[in-house]
Amino acid sequence: MELGNVNVLTLQTSAMKQDKTTQAMSLVLTEILNEIDTGRSLIRTQLEDLPEEVLDTIAIERNIFWYDANANADIKRNIIRNCNKVFRTLGTNYAIEQVIADYFGDGQIEEWYEYDGQPYHFRVLTTNTKVTGELAEQFHKAVEAVKRKSTRLHEVLVMMSANLNLYYGFIVHTGDKIIIRQEG
């Protein structure tokens, strides 16, 4: 059985199928269930195909208060896809890490005691080099919305690594110092 092609009466036991009330209720429920537009009701599975205006509406309806309508479409989709995880864990490091993943793709939190910072401060470490300007501001607003109010975001560090050829050299000079004086 698939949504859009439901017959509720077939789900009843043989004794219930004989009851006129059950038959009437099954007929009404079958009509209601078959009228559901499955193409529009399966938003979660079609999130990649939805236009940005619809994404903004979904965020308003779900009260995703860390959602930024100015973010790019991929970030919006990630936020909507993972909003239930963040709602369940608001105020925890996991919620912040989920927002980091939604905005940056990767990153982690480093607590104040791990980097010798001030108490109740934390910083975010990421390797995403696009973390500048507008994206950083959007991210900062989102983190402020989901973190505990007693904590402070100290900084966002972008870590970059590269393979470089390193050349070094040295010279050793040995010798004696001889002073020759002419007297005379």
C-alpha atoms as a PDB file:
ATOM      1  CA  MET A   1       0.000   0.000   0.000  1.00  0.00           C
ATOM      2  CA  GLU A   2       1.303   3.449  -0.827  1.00  0.00           C
ATOM      3  CA  LEU A   3       0.216   6.919   0.154  1.00  0.00           C
ATOM      4  CA  GLY A   4      -2.282   8.187  -2.402  1.00  0.00           C
ATOM      5  CA  ASN A   5      -3.682   4.704  -2.993  1.00  0.00           C
ATOM      6  CA  VAL A   6      -5.023   3.700   0.433  1.00  0.00           C
ATOM      7  CA  ASN A   7      -8.043   1.586   1.292  1.00  0.00           C
ATOM      8  CA  VAL A   8      -8.594   1.730   5.049  1.00  0.00           C
ATOM      9  CA  LEU A   9     -11.250  -1.001   4.997  1.00  0.00           C
ATOM     10  CA  THR A  10      -8.673  -3.585   3.881  1.00  0.00           C
ATOM     11  CA  LEU A  11      -6.690  -2.853   7.049  1.00  0.00           C
ATOM     12  CA  GLN A  12      -9.606  -3.926   9.273  1.00  0.00           C
ATOM     13  CA  THR A  13     -10.179  -7.374  10.698  1.00  0.00           C
ATOM     14  CA  SER A  14     -12.853  -9.542   9.053  1.00  0.00           C
ATOM     15  CA  ALA A  15     -15.270  -8.912  11.935  1.00  0.00           C
ATOM     16  CA  MET A  16     -14.748  -5.130  11.705  1.00  0.00           C
ATOM     17  CA  LYS A  17     -15.264  -5.191   7.933  1.00  0.00           C
ATOM     18  CA  GLN A  18     -18.900  -6.299   8.573  1.00  0.00           C
ATOM     19  CA  ASP A  19     -19.655  -3.342  10.890  1.00  0.00           C
ATOM     20  CA  LYS A  20     -21.517  -0.536   9.067  1.00  0.00           C
ATOM     21  CA  THR A  21     -19.899   2.207  11.223  1.00  0.00           C
ATOM     22  CA  THR A  22     -16.435   0.882  10.439  1.00  0.00           C
ATOM     23  CA  GLN A  23     -17.318   0.679   6.744  1.00  0.00           C
ATOM     24  CA  ALA A  24     -18.525   4.305   6.733  1.00  0.00           C
ATOM     25  CA  MET A  25     -15.493   5.596   8.653  1.00  0.00           C
ATOM     26  CA  SER A  26     -13.126   3.609   6.433  1.00  0.00           C
ATOM     27  CA  LEU A  27     -14.764   5.061   3.312  1.00  0.00           C
ATOM     28  CA  VAL A  28     -14.393   8.632   4.593  1.00  0.00           C
ATOM     29  CA  LEU A  29     -10.800   8.103   5.765  1.00  0.00           C
ATOM     30  CA  THR A  30      -9.874   6.466   2.463  1.00  0.00           C
ATOM     31  CA  GLU A  31     -11.124   9.510   0.556  1.00  0.00           C
ATOM     32  CA  ILE A  32      -9.247  11.910   2.850  1.00  0.00           C
ATOM     33  CA  LEU A  33      -5.976   9.959   2.711  1.00  0.00           C
ATOM     34  CA  ASN A  34      -6.127   9.552  -1.063  1.00  0.00           C
ATOM     35  CA  GLU A  35      -6.586  13.314  -1.533  1.00  0.00           C
ATOM     36  CA  ILE A  36      -3.220  14.059   0.106  1.00  0.00           C
ATOM     37  CA  ASP A  37      -0.877  15.552  -2.457  1.00  0.00           C
ATOM     38  CA  THR A  38       2.180  13.386  -1.872  1.00  0.00           C
ATOM     39  CA  GLY A  39       4.286  15.556  -4.149  1.00  0.00           C
ATOM     40  CA  ARG A  40       3.875  18.539  -1.852  1.00  0.00           C
ATOM     41  CA  SER A  41       3.732  16.735   1.491  1.00  0.00           C
ATOM     42  CA  LEU A  42       7.118  15.028   1.243  1.00  0.00           C
ATOM     43  CA  ILE A  43       9.132  18.200   1.809  1.00  0.00           C
ATOM     44  CA  ARG A  44      11.960  16.500   3.641  1.00  0.00           C
ATOM     45  CA  THR A  45      12.758  14.201   0.728  1.00  0.00           C
ATOM     46  CA  GLN A  46      12.434  16.988  -1.836  1.00  0.00           C
ATOM     47  CA  LEU A  47      14.415  19.618   0.058  1.00  0.00           C
ATOM     48  CA  GLU A  48      17.069  19.816  -2.677  1.00  0.00           C
ATOM     49  CA  ASP A  49      14.502  20.837  -5.292  1.00  0.00           C
ATOM     50  CA  LEU A  50      12.643  23.518  -3.327  1.00  0.00           C
ATOM     51  CA  PRO A  51      13.149  27.179  -4.242  1.00  0.00           C
ATOM     52  CA  GLU A  52      14.607  29.571  -1.673  1.00  0.00           C
ATOM     53  CA  GLU A  53      11.259  31.283  -1.031  1.00  0.00           C
ATOM     54  CA  VAL A  54       9.789  27.969   0.109  1.00  0.00           C
ATOM     55  CA  LEU A  55      12.842  27.305   2.282  1.00  0.00           C
ATOM     56  CA  ASP A  56      12.323  30.680   3.971  1.00  0.00           C
ATOM     57  CA  THR A  57       8.668  29.844   4.599  1.00  0.00           C
ATOM     58  CA  ILE A  58       9.554  26.460   6.094  1.00  0.00           C
ATOM     59  CA  ALA A  59      12.035  28.125   8.434  1.00  0.00           C
ATOM     60  CA  ILE A  60       9.383  30.573   9.620  1.00  0.00           C
ATOM     61  CA  GLU A  61       6.825  27.807  10.135  1.00  0.00           C
ATOM     62  CA  ARG A  62       9.280  25.680  12.113  1.00  0.00           C
ATOM     63  CA  ASN A  63      10.471  28.708  14.126  1.00  0.00           C
ATOM     64  CA  ILE A  64      14.129  28.128  13.268  1.00  0.00           C
ATOM     65  CA  PHE A  65      15.313  31.291  14.975  1.00  0.00           C
ATOM     66  CA  TRP A  66      18.980  30.838  13.973  1.00  0.00           C
ATOM     67  CA  TYR A  67      18.016  30.670  10.276  1.00  0.00           C
ATOM     68  CA  ASP A  68      19.312  33.501   8.108  1.00  0.00           C
ATOM     69  CA  ALA A  69      17.298  34.327   4.993  1.00  0.00           C
ATOM     70  CA  ASN A  70      20.420  35.939   3.462  1.00  0.00           C
ATOM     71  CA  ALA A  71      22.463  32.725   3.588  1.00  0.00           C
ATOM     72  CA  ASN A  72      23.035  30.757   0.408  1.00  0.00           C
ATOM     73  CA  ALA A  73      20.604  27.999  -0.554  1.00  0.00           C
ATOM     74  CA  ASP A  74      22.857  25.089   0.490  1.00  0.00           C
ATOM     75  CA  ILE A  75      23.282  26.495   3.987  1.00  0.00           C
ATOM     76  CA  LYS A  76      19.520  27.048   4.244  1.00  0.00           C
ATOM     77  CA  ARG A  77      18.859  23.444   3.266  1.00  0.00           C
ATOM     78  CA  ASN A  78      21.378  22.175   5.827  1.00  0.00           C
ATOM     79  CA  ILE A  79      19.810  24.268   8.588  1.00  0.00           C
ATOM     80  CA  ILE A  80      16.294  23.016   7.794  1.00  0.00           C
ATOM     81  CA  ARG A  81      17.484  19.415   7.449  1.00  0.00           C
ATOM     82  CA  ASN A  82      19.177  19.475  10.872  1.00  0.00           C
ATOM     83  CA  CYS A  83      16.903  21.817  12.822  1.00  0.00           C
ATOM     84  CA  ASN A  84      15.362  19.024  14.922  1.00  0.00           C
ATOM     85  CA  LYS A  85      18.808  17.950  16.138  1.00  0.00           C
ATOM     86  CA  VAL A  86      19.585  21.517  17.186  1.00  0.00           C
ATOM     87  CA  PHE A  87      16.192  22.002  18.881  1.00  0.00           C
ATOM     88  CA  ARG A  88      16.717  18.831  20.941  1.00  0.00           C
ATOM     89  CA  THR A  89      20.149  19.979  22.107  1.00  0.00           C
ATOM     90  CA  LEU A  90      19.856  23.777  22.399  1.00  0.00           C
ATOM     91  CA  GLY A  91      22.460  25.235  24.746  1.00  0.00           C
ATOM     92  CA  THR A  92      24.907  22.363  24.344  1.00  0.00           C
ATOM     93  CA  ASN A  93      28.145  21.984  22.445  1.00  0.00           C
ATOM     94  CA  TYR A  94      26.411  19.552  20.108  1.00  0.00           C
ATOM     95  CA  ALA A  95      23.959  22.262  18.987  1.00  0.00           C
ATOM     96  CA  ILE A  96      26.840  24.633  18.267  1.00  0.00           C
ATOM     97  CA  GLU A  97      28.764  21.929  16.420  1.00  0.00           C
ATOM     98  CA  GLN A  98      25.687  21.186  14.304  1.00  0.00           C
ATOM     99  CA  VAL A  99      25.413  24.874  13.366  1.00  0.00           C
ATOM    100  CA  ILE A 100      29.142  24.848  12.544  1.00  0.00           C
ATOM    101  CA  ALA A 101      28.560  21.854  10.260  1.00  0.00           C
ATOM    102  CA  ASP A 102      25.569  23.571   8.618  1.00  0.00           C
ATOM    103  CA  TYR A 103      27.472  26.785   7.875  1.00  0.00           C
ATOM    104  CA  PHE A 104      31.077  25.657   7.372  1.00  0.00           C
ATOM    105  CA  GLY A 105      30.833  21.968   6.558  1.00  0.00           C
ATOM    106  CA  ASP A 106      33.471  21.165   9.154  1.00  0.00           C
ATOM    107  CA  GLY A 107      34.798  22.519  12.400  1.00  0.00           C
ATOM    108  CA  GLN A 108      34.936  21.924  16.096  1.00  0.00           C
ATOM    109  CA  ILE A 109      34.626  23.701  19.396  1.00  0.00           C
ATOM    110  CA  GLU A 110      37.555  24.233  21.701  1.00  0.00           C
ATOM    111  CA  GLU A 111      36.589  25.089  25.291  1.00  0.00           C
ATOM    112  CA  TRP A 112      38.390  27.777  27.288  1.00  0.00           C
ATOM    113  CA  TYR A 113      40.296  25.268  29.433  1.00  0.00           C
ATOM    114  CA  GLU A 114      41.648  23.557  26.308  1.00  0.00           C
ATOM    115  CA  TYR A 115      43.370  26.669  24.966  1.00  0.00           C
ATOM    116  CA  ASP A 116      44.056  28.701  28.129  1.00  0.00           C
ATOM    117  CA  GLY A 117      41.220  31.161  27.529  1.00  0.00           C
ATOM    118  CA  GLN A 118      38.949  33.027  29.883  1.00  0.00           C
ATOM    119  CA  PRO A 119      36.332  30.992  31.772  1.00  0.00           C
ATOM    120  CA  TYR A 120      33.111  30.251  29.858  1.00  0.00           C
ATOM    121  CA  HIS A 121      34.631  31.258  26.534  1.00  0.00           C
ATOM    122  CA  PHE A 122      35.059  28.960  23.557  1.00  0.00           C
ATOM    123  CA  ARG A 123      36.447  29.216  20.087  1.00  0.00           C
ATOM    124  CA  VAL A 124      35.609  27.531  16.813  1.00  0.00           C
ATOM    125  CA  LEU A 125      38.263  25.851  14.698  1.00  0.00           C
ATOM    126  CA  THR A 126      37.558  25.226  11.018  1.00  0.00           C
ATOM    127  CA  THR A 127      39.480  24.496   7.848  1.00  0.00           C
ATOM    128  CA  ASN A 128      36.937  26.223   5.593  1.00  0.00           C
ATOM    129  CA  THR A 129      38.748  29.152   3.986  1.00  0.00           C
ATOM    130  CA  LYS A 130      35.463  30.787   2.903  1.00  0.00           C
ATOM    131  CA  VAL A 131      34.817  31.893   6.474  1.00  0.00           C
ATOM    132  CA  THR A 132      35.086  35.608   5.921  1.00  0.00           C
ATOM    133  CA  GLY A 133      32.874  38.659   5.910  1.00  0.00           C
ATOM    134  CA  GLU A 134      29.190  37.948   5.492  1.00  0.00           C
ATOM    135  CA  LEU A 135      29.391  34.199   6.157  1.00  0.00           C
ATOM    136  CA  ALA A 136      31.231  34.839   9.423  1.00  0.00           C
ATOM    137  CA  GLU A 137      28.562  37.340  10.516  1.00  0.00           C
ATOM    138  CA  GLN A 138      25.746  34.909   9.671  1.00  0.00           C
ATOM    139  CA  PHE A 139      27.515  32.175  11.574  1.00  0.00           C
ATOM    140  CA  HIS A 140      28.106  34.401  14.614  1.00  0.00           C
ATOM    141  CA  LYS A 141      24.382  35.278  14.802  1.00  0.00           C
ATOM    142  CA  ALA A 142      23.423  31.605  14.537  1.00  0.00           C
ATOM    143  CA  VAL A 143      25.849  30.559  17.280  1.00  0.00           C
ATOM    144  CA  GLU A 144      24.592  33.326  19.565  1.00  0.00           C
ATOM    145  CA  ALA A 145      21.073  31.941  19.119  1.00  0.00           C
ATOM    146  CA  VAL A 146      21.850  28.298  19.985  1.00  0.00           C
ATOM    147  CA  LYS A 147      24.589  28.519  22.636  1.00  0.00           C
ATOM    148  CA  ARG A 148      24.109  28.838  26.379  1.00  0.00           C
ATOM    149  CA  LYS A 149      23.670  32.456  27.369  1.00  0.00           C
ATOM    150  CA  SER A 150      26.464  32.134  29.951  1.00  0.00           C
ATOM    151  CA  THR A 151      29.107  31.290  27.328  1.00  0.00           C
ATOM    152  CA  ARG A 152      30.924  33.591  24.923  1.00  0.00           C
ATOM    153  CA  LEU A 153      32.315  32.947  21.463  1.00  0.00           C
ATOM    154  CA  HIS A 154      35.911  34.117  21.729  1.00  0.00           C
ATOM    155  CA  GLU A 155      37.047  33.687  18.133  1.00  0.00           C
ATOM    156  CA  VAL A 156      36.756  31.689  14.938  1.00  0.00           C
ATOM    157  CA  LEU A 157      40.086  30.304  13.771  1.00  0.00           C
ATOM    158  CA  VAL A 158      40.624  29.173  10.207  1.00  0.00           C
ATOM    159  CA  MET A 159      43.311  26.527  10.162  1.00  0.00           C
ATOM    160  CA  MET A 160      45.194  26.089   6.927  1.00  0.00           C
ATOM    161  CA  SER A 161      47.873  23.608   6.101  1.00  0.00           C
ATOM    162  CA  ALA A 162      50.036  23.195   3.050  1.00  0.00           C
ATOM    163  CA  ASN A 163      52.814  20.994   1.836  1.00  0.00           C
ATOM    164  CA  LEU A 164      55.868  23.145   1.351  1.00  0.00           C
ATOM    165  CA  ASN A 165      59.423  22.412   0.357  1.00  0.00           C
ATOM    166  CA  LEU A 166      61.639  23.607   3.121  1.00  0.00           C
ATOM    167  CA  TYR A 167      65.256  24.307   2.309  1.00  0.00           C
ATOM    168  CA  TYR A 168      67.867  25.068   4.887  1.00  0.00           C
ATOM    169  CA  GLY A 169      71.583  25.215   4.957  1.00  0.00           C
ATOM    170  CA  PHE A 170      74.451  25.927   7.233  1.00  0.00           C
ATOM    171  CA  ILE A 171      78.144  26.574   7.088  1.00  0.00           C
ATOM    172  CA  VAL A 172      80.888  25.767   9.489  1.00  0.00           C
ATOM    173  CA  HIS A 173      83.984  27.925   9.513  1.00  0.00           C
ATOM    174  CA  THR A 174      86.912  26.795  11.535  1.00  0.00           C
ATOM    175  CA  GLY A 175      90.241  28.451  11.791  1.00  0.00           C
ATOM    176  CA  ASP A 176      92.882  29.854  14.091  1.00  0.00           C
ATOM    177  CA  LYS A 177      93.471  33.477  14.668  1.00  0.00           C
ATOM    178  CA  ILE A 178      97.102  34.402  14.229  1.00  0.00           C
ATOM    179  CA  ILE A 179      98.382  37.840  15.003  1.00  0.00           C
ATOM    180  CA  ILE A 180     101.769  38.758  13.540  1.00  0.00           C
ATOM    181  CA  ARG A 181     103.454  41.922  14.807  1.00  0.00           C
ATOM    182  CA  GLN A 182     106.559  43.476  13.553  1.00  0.00           C
ATOM    183  CA  GLU A 183     108.736  45.116  16.177  1.00  0.00           C
ATOM    184  CA  GLY A 184     111.481  47.103  15.423  1.00  0.00           C
END
